[in-house]
């Protein structure tokens, strides 16, 4: 029961966090980890999740529509993490 309360609290926290909805999905996916739930994630987990999410079909649209992120497919990990931080801090 304690785990259910923690999970519920986490979901509520993400739900109410000032963050673009399309960026919340990769955060959830990083924790979900293809069904192997992680209690903690690191920079690599976040990077990999965002990279995979935004390199798929229609998800690219959110990055391509802004001048500052239109070239995201050429970014390395360092640039990707830096840009994600800028995006999140602007909300």
C-alpha atoms as a PDB file:
ATOM      1  CA  UNK A   1       0.000   0.000   0.000  1.00  0.00           C
ATOM      2  CA  UNK A   2       2.905   2.358   0.733  1.00  0.00           C
ATOM      3  CA  UNK A   3       4.194   1.962  -2.834  1.00  0.00           C
ATOM      4  CA  UNK A   4       0.747   2.834  -4.214  1.00  0.00           C
ATOM      5  CA  UNK A   5       0.746   6.051  -2.164  1.00  0.00           C
ATOM      6  CA  UNK A   6       4.239   6.955  -3.382  1.00  0.00           C
ATOM      7  CA  UNK A   7       3.310   6.247  -7.002  1.00  0.00           C
ATOM      8  CA  UNK A   8       0.119   8.268  -6.684  1.00  0.00           C
ATOM      9  CA  UNK A   9       2.058  11.149  -5.124  1.00  0.00           C
ATOM     10  CA  UNK A  10       4.642  11.022  -7.905  1.00  0.00           C
ATOM     11  CA  UNK A  11       1.991  11.020 -10.627  1.00  0.00           C
ATOM     12  CA  UNK A  12       0.228  13.970  -8.992  1.00  0.00           C
ATOM     13  CA  UNK A  13       3.533  15.849  -8.744  1.00  0.00           C
ATOM     14  CA  UNK A  14       4.290  15.339 -12.452  1.00  0.00           C
ATOM     15  CA  UNK A  15       0.703  16.177 -13.346  1.00  0.00           C
ATOM     16  CA  UNK A  16       0.834  19.535 -11.557  1.00  0.00           C
ATOM     17  CA  UNK A  17       4.422  20.448 -12.479  1.00  0.00           C
ATOM     18  CA  UNK A  18       4.762  23.410 -14.815  1.00  0.00           C
ATOM     19  CA  UNK A  19       5.979  21.503 -17.834  1.00  0.00           C
ATOM     20  CA  UNK A  20       4.891  21.121 -21.431  1.00  0.00           C
ATOM     21  CA  UNK A  21       2.604  18.079 -21.718  1.00  0.00           C
ATOM     22  CA  UNK A  22       4.685  16.562 -24.503  1.00  0.00           C
ATOM     23  CA  UNK A  23       7.745  16.713 -22.219  1.00  0.00           C
ATOM     24  CA  UNK A  24       5.947  14.967 -19.362  1.00  0.00           C
ATOM     25  CA  UNK A  25       5.517  11.806 -21.425  1.00  0.00           C
ATOM     26  CA  UNK A  26       9.262  11.115 -21.839  1.00  0.00           C
ATOM     27  CA  UNK A  27       9.756  11.706 -18.104  1.00  0.00           C
ATOM     28  CA  UNK A  28       7.142   9.051 -17.347  1.00  0.00           C
ATOM     29  CA  UNK A  29       8.720   6.758 -19.945  1.00  0.00           C
ATOM     30  CA  UNK A  30      12.140   7.158 -18.315  1.00  0.00           C
ATOM     31  CA  UNK A  31      10.696   5.889 -15.027  1.00  0.00           C
ATOM     32  CA  UNK A  32       8.625   3.218 -16.794  1.00  0.00           C
ATOM     33  CA  UNK A  33      11.776   1.892 -18.522  1.00  0.00           C
ATOM     34  CA  UNK A  34       9.977  -0.500 -20.891  1.00  0.00           C
ATOM     35  CA  UNK A  35       8.116  -2.111 -17.997  1.00  0.00           C
ATOM     36  CA  UNK A  36      11.089  -2.338 -15.625  1.00  0.00           C
ATOM     37  CA  UNK A  37      10.010   0.457 -13.290  1.00  0.00           C
ATOM     38  CA  UNK A  38      12.829   2.615 -11.904  1.00  0.00           C
ATOM     39  CA  UNK A  39      12.534   4.398  -8.574  1.00  0.00           C
ATOM     40  CA  UNK A  40      15.269   6.861  -9.596  1.00  0.00           C
ATOM     41  CA  UNK A  41      16.446   8.084 -12.972  1.00  0.00           C
ATOM     42  CA  UNK A  42      19.624   9.849 -13.986  1.00  0.00           C
ATOM     43  CA  UNK A  43      20.692  12.164 -16.788  1.00  0.00           C
ATOM     44  CA  UNK A  44      21.300   9.226 -19.143  1.00  0.00           C
ATOM     45  CA  UNK A  45      17.787   7.886 -18.520  1.00  0.00           C
ATOM     46  CA  UNK A  46      16.274  11.295 -19.227  1.00  0.00           C
ATOM     47  CA  UNK A  47      18.378  11.811 -22.341  1.00  0.00           C
ATOM     48  CA  UNK A  48      17.613   8.359 -23.752  1.00  0.00           C
ATOM     49  CA  UNK A  49      13.908   8.690 -23.085  1.00  0.00           C
ATOM     50  CA  UNK A  50      13.624  12.148 -24.650  1.00  0.00           C
ATOM     51  CA  UNK A  51      15.816  11.109 -27.580  1.00  0.00           C
ATOM     52  CA  UNK A  52      13.699   8.036 -28.343  1.00  0.00           C
ATOM     53  CA  UNK A  53      10.436   9.917 -27.855  1.00  0.00           C
ATOM     54  CA  UNK A  54      11.266  12.874 -30.089  1.00  0.00           C
ATOM     55  CA  UNK A  55      12.858  10.825 -32.858  1.00  0.00           C
ATOM     56  CA  UNK A  56       9.587   9.002 -33.529  1.00  0.00           C
ATOM     57  CA  UNK A  57       7.111  10.146 -36.171  1.00  0.00           C
ATOM     58  CA  UNK A  58       4.664  12.785 -35.052  1.00  0.00           C
ATOM     59  CA  UNK A  59       6.507  13.512 -31.799  1.00  0.00           C
ATOM     60  CA  UNK A  60       9.149  15.364 -33.835  1.00  0.00           C
ATOM     61  CA  UNK A  61       6.656  18.116 -34.609  1.00  0.00           C
ATOM     62  CA  UNK A  62       7.017  19.635 -31.149  1.00  0.00           C
ATOM     63  CA  UNK A  63      10.752  20.095 -31.640  1.00  0.00           C
ATOM     64  CA  UNK A  64      10.681  21.055 -35.316  1.00  0.00           C
ATOM     65  CA  UNK A  65       8.207  23.899 -34.896  1.00  0.00           C
ATOM     66  CA  UNK A  66      10.562  26.057 -32.804  1.00  0.00           C
ATOM     67  CA  UNK A  67      13.620  27.735 -34.278  1.00  0.00           C
ATOM     68  CA  UNK A  68      15.697  26.984 -31.167  1.00  0.00           C
ATOM     69  CA  UNK A  69      15.037  23.225 -31.378  1.00  0.00           C
ATOM     70  CA  UNK A  70      14.530  22.649 -35.115  1.00  0.00           C
ATOM     71  CA  UNK A  71      18.000  21.111 -35.494  1.00  0.00           C
ATOM     72  CA  UNK A  72      17.554  18.735 -32.513  1.00  0.00           C
ATOM     73  CA  UNK A  73      18.294  15.662 -34.638  1.00  0.00           C
ATOM     74  CA  UNK A  74      21.916  16.817 -34.944  1.00  0.00           C
ATOM     75  CA  UNK A  75      22.411  17.395 -31.206  1.00  0.00           C
ATOM     76  CA  UNK A  76      24.762  15.407 -29.029  1.00  0.00           C
ATOM     77  CA  UNK A  77      23.845  14.387 -25.498  1.00  0.00           C
ATOM     78  CA  UNK A  78      25.326  17.493 -23.836  1.00  0.00           C
ATOM     79  CA  UNK A  79      23.408  19.891 -26.107  1.00  0.00           C
ATOM     80  CA  UNK A  80      20.231  17.852 -25.700  1.00  0.00           C
ATOM     81  CA  UNK A  81      20.340  17.965 -21.880  1.00  0.00           C
ATOM     82  CA  UNK A  82      21.221  21.679 -21.885  1.00  0.00           C
ATOM     83  CA  UNK A  83      18.333  22.498 -24.209  1.00  0.00           C
ATOM     84  CA  UNK A  84      15.901  20.380 -22.202  1.00  0.00           C
ATOM     85  CA  UNK A  85      16.839  22.335 -19.090  1.00  0.00           C
ATOM     86  CA  UNK A  86      16.234  25.635 -20.909  1.00  0.00           C
ATOM     87  CA  UNK A  87      12.862  24.415 -22.167  1.00  0.00           C
ATOM     88  CA  UNK A  88      11.774  23.278 -18.713  1.00  0.00           C
ATOM     89  CA  UNK A  89      12.948  26.424 -16.950  1.00  0.00           C
ATOM     90  CA  UNK A  90      10.894  28.557 -19.330  1.00  0.00           C
ATOM     91  CA  UNK A  91       7.648  27.029 -18.028  1.00  0.00           C
END
